[in-house]
Amino acid sequence: MENEGRGARILKIVSGVLGASVSEESVAKSVAGWDSLKTLQIIMALDEAGYEIPLERIAEVKSVRDILTFVKKGG
């Protein structure tokens, strides 16, 4: 149950940074404006909210599912 709440909070953060509604299935190349800079902004916003993605994984972030997976493994 807590993981579902965490997932919803992460989706809200990602949506806020991108200025677009996203789902777990959203991928960077299909979301307008989601480039490498936005990925870094997402990582920073998540960090400010207490969610950590390991530095070595940041370059691998290509989708919302990646973000959820890396936060679960690292957090």
N, C-alpha and C. Protein backbone atom coordinates (compact mmCIF):
# COMPACT_ATOMS: atom_id res chain seq x y z
N MET A 1 0.83 -1.19 0.00
CA MET A 1 0.00 0.00 0.00
C MET A 1 0.87 1.25 0.00
N GLU A 2 1.92 1.26 0.83
CA GLU A 2 2.81 2.42 0.88
C GLU A 2 3.51 2.63 -0.45
N ASN A 3 3.91 1.54 -1.12
CA ASN A 3 4.56 1.66 -2.42
C ASN A 3 3.63 2.30 -3.45
N GLU A 4 2.32 1.99 -3.37
CA GLU A 4 1.37 2.61 -4.29
C GLU A 4 1.32 4.12 -4.05
N GLY A 5 1.33 4.52 -2.79
CA GLY A 5 1.33 5.95 -2.47
C GLY A 5 2.61 6.62 -2.96
N ARG A 6 3.72 5.93 -2.78
CA ARG A 6 5.00 6.47 -3.24
C ARG A 6 5.00 6.61 -4.75
N GLY A 7 4.50 5.60 -5.45
CA GLY A 7 4.42 5.66 -6.91
C GLY A 7 3.59 6.83 -7.39
N ALA A 8 2.47 7.05 -6.72
CA ALA A 8 1.59 8.18 -7.08
C ALA A 8 2.30 9.51 -6.84
N ARG A 9 3.05 9.61 -5.73
CA ARG A 9 3.78 10.85 -5.45
C ARG A 9 4.87 11.09 -6.50
N ILE A 10 5.55 10.02 -6.89
CA ILE A 10 6.60 10.15 -7.90
C ILE A 10 5.99 10.58 -9.23
N LEU A 11 4.87 9.97 -9.61
CA LEU A 11 4.19 10.37 -10.86
C LEU A 11 3.80 11.84 -10.82
N LYS A 12 3.34 12.31 -9.67
CA LYS A 12 2.94 13.71 -9.53
C LYS A 12 4.15 14.63 -9.71
N ILE A 13 5.28 14.25 -9.13
CA ILE A 13 6.50 15.05 -9.26
C ILE A 13 6.95 15.10 -10.72
N VAL A 14 6.98 13.93 -11.37
CA VAL A 14 7.41 13.86 -12.78
C VAL A 14 6.47 14.70 -13.65
N SER A 15 5.16 14.56 -13.43
CA SER A 15 4.19 15.34 -14.20
C SER A 15 4.39 16.84 -13.99
N GLY A 16 4.67 17.22 -12.75
CA GLY A 16 4.89 18.64 -12.44
C GLY A 16 6.09 19.21 -13.15
N VAL A 17 7.19 18.45 -13.17
CA VAL A 17 8.40 18.92 -13.85
C VAL A 17 8.17 19.02 -15.36
N LEU A 18 7.51 18.03 -15.91
CA LEU A 18 7.30 17.99 -17.36
C LEU A 18 6.16 18.89 -17.82
N GLY A 19 5.29 19.27 -16.90
CA GLY A 19 4.13 20.07 -17.28
C GLY A 19 3.16 19.29 -18.14
N ALA A 20 3.14 17.97 -17.95
CA ALA A 20 2.27 17.10 -18.72
C ALA A 20 1.88 15.90 -17.87
N SER A 21 0.72 15.38 -18.12
CA SER A 21 0.28 14.19 -17.40
C SER A 21 1.06 12.98 -17.91
N VAL A 22 1.58 12.17 -16.99
CA VAL A 22 2.33 10.97 -17.37
C VAL A 22 1.78 9.78 -16.60
N SER A 23 2.05 8.60 -17.12
CA SER A 23 1.69 7.36 -16.45
C SER A 23 2.94 6.51 -16.33
N GLU A 24 2.82 5.36 -15.70
CA GLU A 24 3.95 4.47 -15.54
C GLU A 24 4.50 4.01 -16.90
N GLU A 25 3.64 4.01 -17.93
CA GLU A 25 4.05 3.57 -19.26
C GLU A 25 4.67 4.68 -20.11
N SER A 26 4.68 5.91 -19.63
CA SER A 26 5.22 7.03 -20.40
C SER A 26 6.73 6.88 -20.62
N VAL A 27 7.15 7.16 -21.86
CA VAL A 27 8.58 7.12 -22.19
C VAL A 27 9.01 8.51 -22.67
N ALA A 28 10.28 8.82 -22.44
CA ALA A 28 10.79 10.16 -22.73
C ALA A 28 10.52 10.58 -24.17
N LYS A 29 10.78 9.69 -25.11
CA LYS A 29 10.65 10.09 -26.51
C LYS A 29 9.21 10.36 -26.94
N SER A 30 8.23 9.96 -26.13
CA SER A 30 6.84 10.21 -26.50
C SER A 30 6.21 11.37 -25.71
N VAL A 31 6.98 11.99 -24.82
CA VAL A 31 6.47 13.11 -24.04
C VAL A 31 7.16 14.38 -24.52
N ALA A 32 6.37 15.30 -25.04
CA ALA A 32 6.91 16.55 -25.58
C ALA A 32 7.73 17.28 -24.53
N GLY A 33 8.95 17.67 -24.89
CA GLY A 33 9.80 18.44 -24.00
C GLY A 33 10.64 17.62 -23.02
N TRP A 34 10.47 16.30 -23.01
CA TRP A 34 11.26 15.48 -22.09
C TRP A 34 12.60 15.17 -22.74
N ASP A 35 13.60 15.95 -22.37
CA ASP A 35 14.95 15.76 -22.89
C ASP A 35 15.89 15.51 -21.71
N SER A 36 17.18 15.50 -21.96
CA SER A 36 18.13 15.20 -20.89
C SER A 36 18.10 16.24 -19.77
N LEU A 37 17.85 17.50 -20.11
CA LEU A 37 17.75 18.53 -19.09
C LEU A 37 16.54 18.28 -18.19
N LYS A 38 15.42 17.94 -18.80
CA LYS A 38 14.22 17.63 -18.00
C LYS A 38 14.45 16.42 -17.12
N THR A 39 15.20 15.43 -17.63
CA THR A 39 15.51 14.26 -16.81
C THR A 39 16.28 14.69 -15.56
N LEU A 40 17.25 15.57 -15.72
CA LEU A 40 18.00 16.07 -14.56
C LEU A 40 17.11 16.86 -13.61
N GLN A 41 16.19 17.63 -14.16
CA GLN A 41 15.26 18.38 -13.32
C GLN A 41 14.35 17.44 -12.54
N ILE A 42 13.94 16.35 -13.19
CA ILE A 42 13.12 15.34 -12.50
C ILE A 42 13.92 14.73 -11.36
N ILE A 43 15.17 14.36 -11.62
CA ILE A 43 16.03 13.75 -10.60
C ILE A 43 16.20 14.71 -9.41
N MET A 44 16.41 15.99 -9.69
CA MET A 44 16.58 16.98 -8.62
C MET A 44 15.28 17.15 -7.82
N ALA A 45 14.15 17.19 -8.50
CA ALA A 45 12.86 17.34 -7.81
C ALA A 45 12.59 16.11 -6.94
N LEU A 46 12.91 14.94 -7.45
CA LEU A 46 12.73 13.72 -6.66
C LEU A 46 13.64 13.74 -5.43
N ASP A 47 14.87 14.18 -5.62
CA ASP A 47 15.83 14.25 -4.51
C ASP A 47 15.32 15.21 -3.42
N GLU A 48 14.78 16.34 -3.84
CA GLU A 48 14.23 17.31 -2.88
C GLU A 48 13.06 16.72 -2.10
N ALA A 49 12.34 15.78 -2.72
CA ALA A 49 11.20 15.13 -2.07
C ALA A 49 11.62 13.89 -1.28
N GLY A 50 12.93 13.60 -1.27
CA GLY A 50 13.42 12.47 -0.49
C GLY A 50 13.57 11.17 -1.25
N TYR A 51 13.45 11.22 -2.58
CA TYR A 51 13.61 10.02 -3.41
C TYR A 51 14.95 10.10 -4.13
N GLU A 52 15.71 9.03 -4.00
CA GLU A 52 17.06 9.04 -4.55
C GLU A 52 17.18 8.05 -5.71
N ILE A 53 17.83 8.50 -6.78
CA ILE A 53 18.19 7.62 -7.88
C ILE A 53 19.71 7.59 -7.91
N PRO A 54 20.30 6.40 -7.87
CA PRO A 54 21.77 6.31 -7.88
C PRO A 54 22.37 7.02 -9.10
N LEU A 55 23.45 7.74 -8.88
CA LEU A 55 24.09 8.51 -9.96
C LEU A 55 24.39 7.66 -11.18
N GLU A 56 24.83 6.43 -10.97
CA GLU A 56 25.19 5.58 -12.10
C GLU A 56 23.98 5.15 -12.93
N ARG A 57 22.78 5.39 -12.43
CA ARG A 57 21.56 5.02 -13.15
C ARG A 57 20.93 6.18 -13.92
N ILE A 58 21.35 7.41 -13.64
CA ILE A 58 20.69 8.57 -14.24
C ILE A 58 20.70 8.52 -15.77
N ALA A 59 21.81 8.13 -16.37
CA ALA A 59 21.90 8.07 -17.83
C ALA A 59 20.98 7.00 -18.42
N GLU A 60 20.53 6.06 -17.59
CA GLU A 60 19.65 4.99 -18.06
C GLU A 60 18.18 5.35 -18.01
N VAL A 61 17.85 6.50 -17.43
CA VAL A 61 16.44 6.89 -17.29
C VAL A 61 15.88 7.29 -18.65
N LYS A 62 14.98 6.48 -19.15
CA LYS A 62 14.33 6.74 -20.44
C LYS A 62 12.80 6.70 -20.35
N SER A 63 12.30 6.39 -19.14
CA SER A 63 10.85 6.26 -18.97
C SER A 63 10.47 6.46 -17.51
N VAL A 64 9.18 6.63 -17.29
CA VAL A 64 8.68 6.72 -15.92
C VAL A 64 8.92 5.39 -15.21
N ARG A 65 8.76 4.29 -15.90
CA ARG A 65 8.99 2.97 -15.30
C ARG A 65 10.45 2.87 -14.80
N ASP A 66 11.40 3.39 -15.59
CA ASP A 66 12.80 3.41 -15.15
C ASP A 66 12.94 4.17 -13.83
N ILE A 67 12.31 5.32 -13.76
CA ILE A 67 12.38 6.14 -12.55
C ILE A 67 11.84 5.36 -11.36
N LEU A 68 10.67 4.76 -11.52
CA LEU A 68 10.07 3.99 -10.43
C LEU A 68 10.96 2.82 -10.02
N THR A 69 11.54 2.15 -10.99
CA THR A 69 12.41 1.01 -10.70
C THR A 69 13.67 1.44 -9.97
N PHE A 70 14.31 2.49 -10.45
CA PHE A 70 15.57 2.93 -9.84
C PHE A 70 15.34 3.51 -8.45
N VAL A 71 14.23 4.20 -8.24
CA VAL A 71 13.93 4.73 -6.91
C VAL A 71 13.67 3.57 -5.96
N LYS A 72 12.98 2.52 -6.39
CA LYS A 72 12.70 1.37 -5.53
C LYS A 72 13.99 0.66 -5.15
N LYS A 73 14.88 0.49 -6.13
CA LYS A 73 16.14 -0.21 -5.85
C LYS A 73 17.04 0.62 -4.96
N GLY A 74 17.06 1.94 -5.20
CA GLY A 74 17.97 2.81 -4.47
C GLY A 74 17.39 3.33 -3.17
N GLY A 75 16.07 3.33 -3.09
CA GLY A 75 15.45 3.96 -1.92
C GLY A 75 15.00 3.02 -0.86
